[in-house]
Amino acid sequence: MPFTGPTEDRAAIRELYDSYTDAANRGDRADWLACWTDDAAWWTHYFDVSGIEAIAATYDQLMANVEVTSFIAQVGSVEVNGNSAKARCYAQERLVFKAGAGNHRLVGRYEDELRRVDGQWLFARRVYKVMIEEMG
């Protein structure tokens, strides 16, 4: 079964995904970074970074030339085990670049590890696998 563990934890994890999605769509750096643990790791086919400072710097680089972001996520599974959890999420993302520099469309899957810190669920590790990537 792809959804295991206490319902209240699974709901809180879903709210983390929703908060991350909302912050990404609004371009709210502070709210987006608040979704990660201080020692988190983030891997994609473009980079592999660890620690909140490196994640923040990567965010700044990625978003420097972005005018509009559309990010939509669907949780595929959540497995809670005490203060840690594993989850899978499918994401559709479209970035429109500034000054007519084109756009980037991604569809992919996140394999996530989460940790409860001071009662709040946060991303401890996100691994992103591309399913579709288009540049325009």
N, C-alpha and C. Protein backbone atom coordinates (compact mmCIF):
# COMPACT_ATOMS: atom_id res chain seq x y z
N MET A 1 0.84 -1.18 0.00
CA MET A 1 0.00 0.00 0.00
C MET A 1 0.89 1.25 0.00
N PRO A 2 0.66 2.19 -0.89
CA PRO A 2 1.55 3.35 -0.96
C PRO A 2 1.31 4.41 0.11
N PHE A 3 0.26 4.30 0.91
CA PHE A 3 -0.01 5.27 1.97
C PHE A 3 -0.11 4.52 3.29
N THR A 4 0.94 4.66 4.12
CA THR A 4 0.96 3.98 5.40
C THR A 4 1.39 4.95 6.49
N GLY A 5 0.98 4.63 7.72
CA GLY A 5 1.31 5.47 8.86
C GLY A 5 0.11 6.27 9.30
N PRO A 6 0.25 6.98 10.40
CA PRO A 6 -0.86 7.74 10.97
C PRO A 6 -1.43 8.77 9.99
N THR A 7 -2.73 8.83 9.95
CA THR A 7 -3.43 9.75 9.04
C THR A 7 -3.02 11.20 9.29
N GLU A 8 -2.85 11.59 10.54
CA GLU A 8 -2.50 12.98 10.83
C GLU A 8 -1.11 13.33 10.30
N ASP A 9 -0.19 12.37 10.31
CA ASP A 9 1.14 12.61 9.74
C ASP A 9 1.06 12.70 8.22
N ARG A 10 0.30 11.82 7.60
CA ARG A 10 0.15 11.87 6.15
C ARG A 10 -0.50 13.17 5.70
N ALA A 11 -1.46 13.66 6.48
CA ALA A 11 -2.10 14.94 6.15
C ALA A 11 -1.10 16.09 6.29
N ALA A 12 -0.29 16.06 7.34
CA ALA A 12 0.72 17.11 7.53
C ALA A 12 1.76 17.08 6.41
N ILE A 13 2.12 15.90 5.97
CA ILE A 13 3.07 15.77 4.85
C ILE A 13 2.45 16.31 3.57
N ARG A 14 1.19 16.02 3.35
CA ARG A 14 0.50 16.57 2.18
C ARG A 14 0.49 18.10 2.24
N GLU A 15 0.30 18.65 3.43
CA GLU A 15 0.33 20.10 3.58
C GLU A 15 1.72 20.66 3.28
N LEU A 16 2.77 19.90 3.60
CA LEU A 16 4.13 20.32 3.24
C LEU A 16 4.26 20.41 1.72
N TYR A 17 3.79 19.39 1.01
CA TYR A 17 3.83 19.43 -0.45
C TYR A 17 3.02 20.61 -0.99
N ASP A 18 1.87 20.86 -0.40
CA ASP A 18 1.04 21.98 -0.85
C ASP A 18 1.72 23.32 -0.56
N SER A 19 2.37 23.44 0.59
CA SER A 19 3.08 24.67 0.92
C SER A 19 4.26 24.90 -0.02
N TYR A 20 4.98 23.84 -0.34
CA TYR A 20 6.11 23.91 -1.28
C TYR A 20 5.60 24.36 -2.66
N THR A 21 4.51 23.75 -3.11
CA THR A 21 3.93 24.09 -4.41
C THR A 21 3.47 25.54 -4.44
N ASP A 22 2.80 25.98 -3.39
CA ASP A 22 2.32 27.35 -3.31
C ASP A 22 3.50 28.33 -3.34
N ALA A 23 4.53 28.06 -2.55
CA ALA A 23 5.70 28.95 -2.52
C ALA A 23 6.40 28.99 -3.87
N ALA A 24 6.51 27.84 -4.54
CA ALA A 24 7.13 27.79 -5.87
C ALA A 24 6.35 28.64 -6.86
N ASN A 25 5.05 28.53 -6.85
CA ASN A 25 4.22 29.29 -7.79
C ASN A 25 4.25 30.80 -7.51
N ARG A 26 4.39 31.18 -6.26
CA ARG A 26 4.44 32.59 -5.90
C ARG A 26 5.84 33.16 -5.99
N GLY A 27 6.84 32.27 -6.16
CA GLY A 27 8.23 32.73 -6.18
C GLY A 27 8.68 33.24 -4.82
N ASP A 28 8.12 32.66 -3.76
CA ASP A 28 8.43 33.10 -2.40
C ASP A 28 9.60 32.27 -1.86
N ARG A 29 10.78 32.82 -1.98
CA ARG A 29 12.01 32.13 -1.58
C ARG A 29 11.98 31.68 -0.12
N ALA A 30 11.60 32.57 0.78
CA ALA A 30 11.60 32.26 2.22
C ALA A 30 10.65 31.10 2.54
N ASP A 31 9.44 31.16 2.00
CA ASP A 31 8.47 30.08 2.25
C ASP A 31 8.93 28.78 1.63
N TRP A 32 9.54 28.84 0.45
CA TRP A 32 10.04 27.65 -0.24
C TRP A 32 11.17 27.01 0.58
N LEU A 33 12.10 27.82 1.05
CA LEU A 33 13.23 27.30 1.84
C LEU A 33 12.76 26.75 3.20
N ALA A 34 11.66 27.27 3.72
CA ALA A 34 11.14 26.81 5.01
C ALA A 34 10.64 25.37 4.94
N CYS A 35 10.56 24.80 3.75
CA CYS A 35 10.10 23.42 3.57
C CYS A 35 11.22 22.39 3.73
N TRP A 36 12.45 22.84 3.92
CA TRP A 36 13.62 21.96 3.96
C TRP A 36 14.24 21.92 5.36
N THR A 37 14.87 20.79 5.71
CA THR A 37 15.67 20.73 6.92
C THR A 37 16.98 21.49 6.66
N ASP A 38 17.66 21.89 7.72
CA ASP A 38 18.93 22.62 7.56
C ASP A 38 20.00 21.79 6.87
N ASP A 39 19.94 20.47 7.03
CA ASP A 39 20.96 19.60 6.44
C ASP A 39 20.44 18.84 5.21
N ALA A 40 19.40 19.35 4.59
CA ALA A 40 18.76 18.67 3.47
C ALA A 40 19.71 18.51 2.28
N ALA A 41 19.35 17.56 1.41
CA ALA A 41 20.06 17.33 0.16
C ALA A 41 19.05 17.38 -0.98
N TRP A 42 19.50 17.90 -2.14
CA TRP A 42 18.63 18.04 -3.31
C TRP A 42 19.43 17.61 -4.53
N TRP A 43 18.93 16.59 -5.23
CA TRP A 43 19.61 16.06 -6.41
C TRP A 43 18.68 16.14 -7.62
N THR A 44 19.20 16.64 -8.73
CA THR A 44 18.52 16.57 -10.02
C THR A 44 19.57 16.23 -11.07
N HIS A 45 19.15 16.11 -12.30
CA HIS A 45 20.10 15.84 -13.37
C HIS A 45 21.00 17.04 -13.66
N TYR A 46 20.73 18.18 -13.04
CA TYR A 46 21.55 19.37 -13.20
C TYR A 46 22.52 19.62 -12.05
N PHE A 47 22.21 19.15 -10.85
CA PHE A 47 23.05 19.47 -9.69
C PHE A 47 22.81 18.48 -8.56
N ASP A 48 23.71 18.52 -7.60
CA ASP A 48 23.64 17.72 -6.37
C ASP A 48 24.15 18.61 -5.25
N VAL A 49 23.25 19.12 -4.40
CA VAL A 49 23.64 20.05 -3.36
C VAL A 49 23.16 19.56 -1.99
N SER A 50 23.90 19.96 -0.98
CA SER A 50 23.54 19.60 0.39
C SER A 50 23.66 20.81 1.30
N GLY A 51 22.74 20.90 2.26
CA GLY A 51 22.73 22.00 3.22
C GLY A 51 21.84 23.13 2.73
N ILE A 52 21.19 23.79 3.65
CA ILE A 52 20.21 24.81 3.30
C ILE A 52 20.86 25.99 2.57
N GLU A 53 22.11 26.34 2.90
CA GLU A 53 22.77 27.45 2.20
C GLU A 53 22.99 27.11 0.73
N ALA A 54 23.43 25.89 0.45
CA ALA A 54 23.65 25.46 -0.94
C ALA A 54 22.32 25.36 -1.69
N ILE A 55 21.27 24.90 -1.02
CA ILE A 55 19.95 24.84 -1.64
C ILE A 55 19.46 26.26 -1.95
N ALA A 56 19.66 27.19 -1.03
CA ALA A 56 19.26 28.58 -1.24
C ALA A 56 20.02 29.18 -2.42
N ALA A 57 21.32 28.95 -2.49
CA ALA A 57 22.13 29.49 -3.60
C ALA A 57 21.69 28.88 -4.93
N THR A 58 21.35 27.60 -4.94
CA THR A 58 20.88 26.96 -6.16
C THR A 58 19.53 27.53 -6.58
N TYR A 59 18.65 27.75 -5.63
CA TYR A 59 17.37 28.39 -5.91
C TYR A 59 17.60 29.75 -6.56
N ASP A 60 18.50 30.54 -5.98
CA ASP A 60 18.78 31.88 -6.50
C ASP A 60 19.28 31.80 -7.95
N GLN A 61 20.16 30.87 -8.23
CA GLN A 61 20.67 30.70 -9.60
C GLN A 61 19.56 30.29 -10.56
N LEU A 62 18.75 29.33 -10.15
CA LEU A 62 17.68 28.84 -11.01
C LEU A 62 16.64 29.92 -11.30
N MET A 63 16.32 30.72 -10.31
CA MET A 63 15.23 31.67 -10.45
C MET A 63 15.67 33.05 -10.94
N ALA A 64 16.96 33.28 -11.10
CA ALA A 64 17.47 34.60 -11.48
C ALA A 64 16.87 35.11 -12.78
N ASN A 65 16.62 34.24 -13.73
CA ASN A 65 16.11 34.67 -15.04
C ASN A 65 14.67 34.23 -15.27
N VAL A 66 13.96 33.84 -14.22
CA VAL A 66 12.59 33.34 -14.36
C VAL A 66 11.59 34.46 -14.09
N GLU A 67 10.67 34.62 -15.03
CA GLU A 67 9.60 35.61 -14.88
C GLU A 67 8.38 34.99 -14.19
N VAL A 68 7.97 33.79 -14.63
CA VAL A 68 6.78 33.13 -14.11
C VAL A 68 7.08 31.64 -13.93
N THR A 69 6.59 31.09 -12.83
CA THR A 69 6.70 29.66 -12.57
C THR A 69 5.32 29.07 -12.39
N SER A 70 5.08 27.94 -13.05
CA SER A 70 3.89 27.15 -12.79
C SER A 70 4.38 25.78 -12.32
N PHE A 71 4.02 25.42 -11.10
CA PHE A 71 4.47 24.16 -10.51
C PHE A 71 3.25 23.46 -9.92
N ILE A 72 2.98 22.26 -10.41
CA ILE A 72 1.83 21.49 -9.94
C ILE A 72 2.34 20.13 -9.50
N ALA A 73 1.95 19.71 -8.31
CA ALA A 73 2.45 18.45 -7.76
C ALA A 73 1.30 17.53 -7.35
N GLN A 74 1.54 16.24 -7.53
CA GLN A 74 0.58 15.21 -7.11
C GLN A 74 1.34 14.16 -6.30
N VAL A 75 0.94 13.97 -5.07
CA VAL A 75 1.58 12.99 -4.21
C VAL A 75 1.14 11.59 -4.64
N GLY A 76 2.11 10.70 -4.84
CA GLY A 76 1.82 9.33 -5.26
C GLY A 76 1.88 8.32 -4.13
N SER A 77 2.69 8.61 -3.10
CA SER A 77 2.76 7.71 -1.95
C SER A 77 3.38 8.43 -0.77
N VAL A 78 3.01 7.99 0.42
CA VAL A 78 3.59 8.47 1.68
C VAL A 78 3.66 7.28 2.62
N GLU A 79 4.85 7.01 3.13
CA GLU A 79 5.05 5.93 4.09
C GLU A 79 5.73 6.50 5.32
N VAL A 80 4.98 6.63 6.40
CA VAL A 80 5.48 7.23 7.64
C VAL A 80 6.00 6.13 8.56
N ASN A 81 7.17 6.39 9.14
CA ASN A 81 7.77 5.48 10.11
C ASN A 81 8.34 6.32 11.25
N GLY A 82 7.53 6.58 12.26
CA GLY A 82 7.97 7.41 13.38
C GLY A 82 8.17 8.85 12.96
N ASN A 83 9.40 9.36 13.15
CA ASN A 83 9.72 10.74 12.79
C ASN A 83 10.35 10.87 11.42
N SER A 84 10.29 9.82 10.63
CA SER A 84 10.79 9.89 9.26
C SER A 84 9.73 9.33 8.32
N ALA A 85 9.85 9.70 7.05
CA ALA A 85 8.90 9.22 6.06
C ALA A 85 9.58 9.20 4.70
N LYS A 86 9.04 8.37 3.82
CA LYS A 86 9.42 8.35 2.42
C LYS A 86 8.17 8.67 1.62
N ALA A 87 8.35 9.42 0.55
CA ALA A 87 7.20 9.81 -0.26
C ALA A 87 7.63 9.92 -1.72
N ARG A 88 6.64 9.82 -2.58
CA ARG A 88 6.85 10.00 -4.02
C ARG A 88 5.87 11.06 -4.50
N CYS A 89 6.34 11.92 -5.38
CA CYS A 89 5.53 13.02 -5.88
C CYS A 89 5.82 13.20 -7.37
N TYR A 90 4.77 13.44 -8.13
CA TYR A 90 4.91 13.73 -9.55
C TYR A 90 4.68 15.23 -9.74
N ALA A 91 5.52 15.85 -10.56
CA ALA A 91 5.45 17.30 -10.71
C ALA A 91 5.47 17.70 -12.18
N GLN A 92 4.66 18.71 -12.48
CA GLN A 92 4.68 19.37 -13.78
C GLN A 92 5.11 20.80 -13.52
N GLU A 93 6.14 21.22 -14.24
CA GLU A 93 6.70 22.54 -14.00
C GLU A 93 6.93 23.25 -15.33
N ARG A 94 6.59 24.51 -15.34
CA ARG A 94 6.87 25.33 -16.51
C ARG A 94 7.45 26.65 -16.04
N LEU A 95 8.59 26.98 -16.59
CA LEU A 95 9.26 28.22 -16.28
C LEU A 95 9.25 29.09 -17.52
N VAL A 96 8.82 30.33 -17.37
CA VAL A 96 8.87 31.30 -18.46
C VAL A 96 9.98 32.28 -18.09
N PHE A 97 10.95 32.41 -18.99
CA PHE A 97 12.11 33.24 -18.70
C PHE A 97 11.87 34.71 -19.04
N LYS A 98 12.63 35.58 -18.41
CA LYS A 98 12.51 37.03 -18.60
C LYS A 98 12.94 37.43 -20.01
N ALA A 99 12.46 38.57 -20.43
CA ALA A 99 12.85 39.22 -21.68
C ALA A 99 12.70 38.31 -22.89
N GLY A 100 11.64 37.49 -22.89
CA GLY A 100 11.37 36.65 -24.05
C GLY A 100 12.41 35.59 -24.32
N ALA A 101 13.11 35.16 -23.29
CA ALA A 101 14.19 34.17 -23.45
C ALA A 101 13.69 32.74 -23.53
N GLY A 102 12.39 32.54 -23.73
CA GLY A 102 11.86 31.19 -23.90
C GLY A 102 11.27 30.62 -22.64
N ASN A 103 11.12 29.30 -22.64
CA ASN A 103 10.55 28.63 -21.48
C ASN A 103 11.13 27.23 -21.37
N HIS A 104 10.86 26.62 -20.24
CA HIS A 104 11.36 25.28 -19.91
C HIS A 104 10.21 24.51 -19.30
N ARG A 105 9.90 23.35 -19.83
CA ARG A 105 8.82 22.52 -19.31
C ARG A 105 9.42 21.20 -18.81
N LEU A 106 9.07 20.85 -17.61
CA LEU A 106 9.54 19.61 -17.00
C LEU A 106 8.37 18.83 -16.42
N VAL A 107 8.41 17.54 -16.61
CA VAL A 107 7.52 16.62 -15.91
C VAL A 107 8.44 15.58 -15.30
N GLY A 108 8.27 15.34 -14.00
CA GLY A 108 9.17 14.41 -13.36
C GLY A 108 8.61 13.82 -12.08
N ARG A 109 9.46 13.03 -11.45
CA ARG A 109 9.09 12.32 -10.23
C ARG A 109 10.12 12.65 -9.16
N TYR A 110 9.64 13.02 -7.99
CA TYR A 110 10.49 13.20 -6.82
C TYR A 110 10.40 11.97 -5.94
N GLU A 111 11.54 11.45 -5.53
CA GLU A 111 11.62 10.43 -4.49
C GLU A 111 12.15 11.17 -3.27
N ASP A 112 11.33 11.28 -2.23
CA ASP A 112 11.64 12.15 -1.11
C ASP A 112 11.82 11.39 0.20
N GLU A 113 12.70 11.92 1.02
CA GLU A 113 12.83 11.50 2.41
C GLU A 113 12.47 12.71 3.25
N LEU A 114 11.62 12.50 4.24
CA LEU A 114 11.16 13.59 5.08
C LEU A 114 11.48 13.28 6.54
N ARG A 115 11.56 14.35 7.33
CA ARG A 115 11.85 14.19 8.75
C ARG A 115 11.00 15.18 9.53
N ARG A 116 10.51 14.72 10.67
CA ARG A 116 9.76 15.61 11.56
C ARG A 116 10.77 16.33 12.46
N VAL A 117 10.75 17.66 12.39
CA VAL A 117 11.65 18.50 13.18
C VAL A 117 10.79 19.44 14.01
N ASP A 118 10.91 19.35 15.32
CA ASP A 118 10.11 20.19 16.22
C ASP A 118 8.63 20.14 15.87
N GLY A 119 8.14 18.93 15.56
CA GLY A 119 6.73 18.72 15.27
C GLY A 119 6.30 19.04 13.85
N GLN A 120 7.23 19.49 13.00
CA GLN A 120 6.89 19.87 11.63
C GLN A 120 7.60 18.96 10.63
N TRP A 121 6.86 18.47 9.63
CA TRP A 121 7.44 17.64 8.58
C TRP A 121 8.16 18.53 7.58
N LEU A 122 9.40 18.14 7.22
CA LEU A 122 10.23 18.89 6.28
C LEU A 122 10.93 17.92 5.32
N PHE A 123 11.35 18.43 4.18
CA PHE A 123 12.12 17.63 3.24
C PHE A 123 13.56 17.51 3.73
N ALA A 124 14.04 16.27 3.85
CA ALA A 124 15.42 16.01 4.23
C ALA A 124 16.26 15.65 3.00
N ARG A 125 15.62 15.06 2.00
CA ARG A 125 16.30 14.71 0.75
C ARG A 125 15.26 14.63 -0.36
N ARG A 126 15.57 15.30 -1.46
CA ARG A 126 14.70 15.24 -2.65
C ARG A 126 15.56 14.79 -3.83
N VAL A 127 15.11 13.75 -4.49
CA VAL A 127 15.79 13.25 -5.70
C VAL A 127 14.79 13.35 -6.83
N TYR A 128 15.17 14.11 -7.87
CA TYR A 128 14.27 14.39 -8.98
C TYR A 128 14.69 13.62 -10.23
N LYS A 129 13.78 12.87 -10.78
CA LYS A 129 14.00 12.11 -12.00
C LYS A 129 13.12 12.68 -13.11
N VAL A 130 13.73 13.08 -14.21
CA VAL A 130 13.00 13.67 -15.33
C VAL A 130 12.25 12.58 -16.10
N MET A 131 11.00 12.90 -16.43
CA MET A 131 10.21 12.05 -17.31
C MET A 131 10.06 12.69 -18.69
N ILE A 132 9.84 14.01 -18.71
CA ILE A 132 9.73 14.78 -19.94
C ILE A 132 10.43 16.12 -19.71
N GLU A 133 11.22 16.54 -20.68
CA GLU A 133 11.86 17.86 -20.59
C GLU A 133 11.82 18.51 -21.97
N GLU A 134 11.31 19.73 -22.02
CA GLU A 134 11.21 20.46 -23.28
C GLU A 134 11.67 21.90 -23.07
N MET A 135 12.45 22.39 -24.00
CA MET A 135 12.89 23.79 -23.98
C MET A 135 12.21 24.49 -25.14
N GLY A 136 11.80 25.74 -24.93
CA GLY A 136 11.14 26.46 -26.01
C GLY A 136 11.52 27.91 -26.05
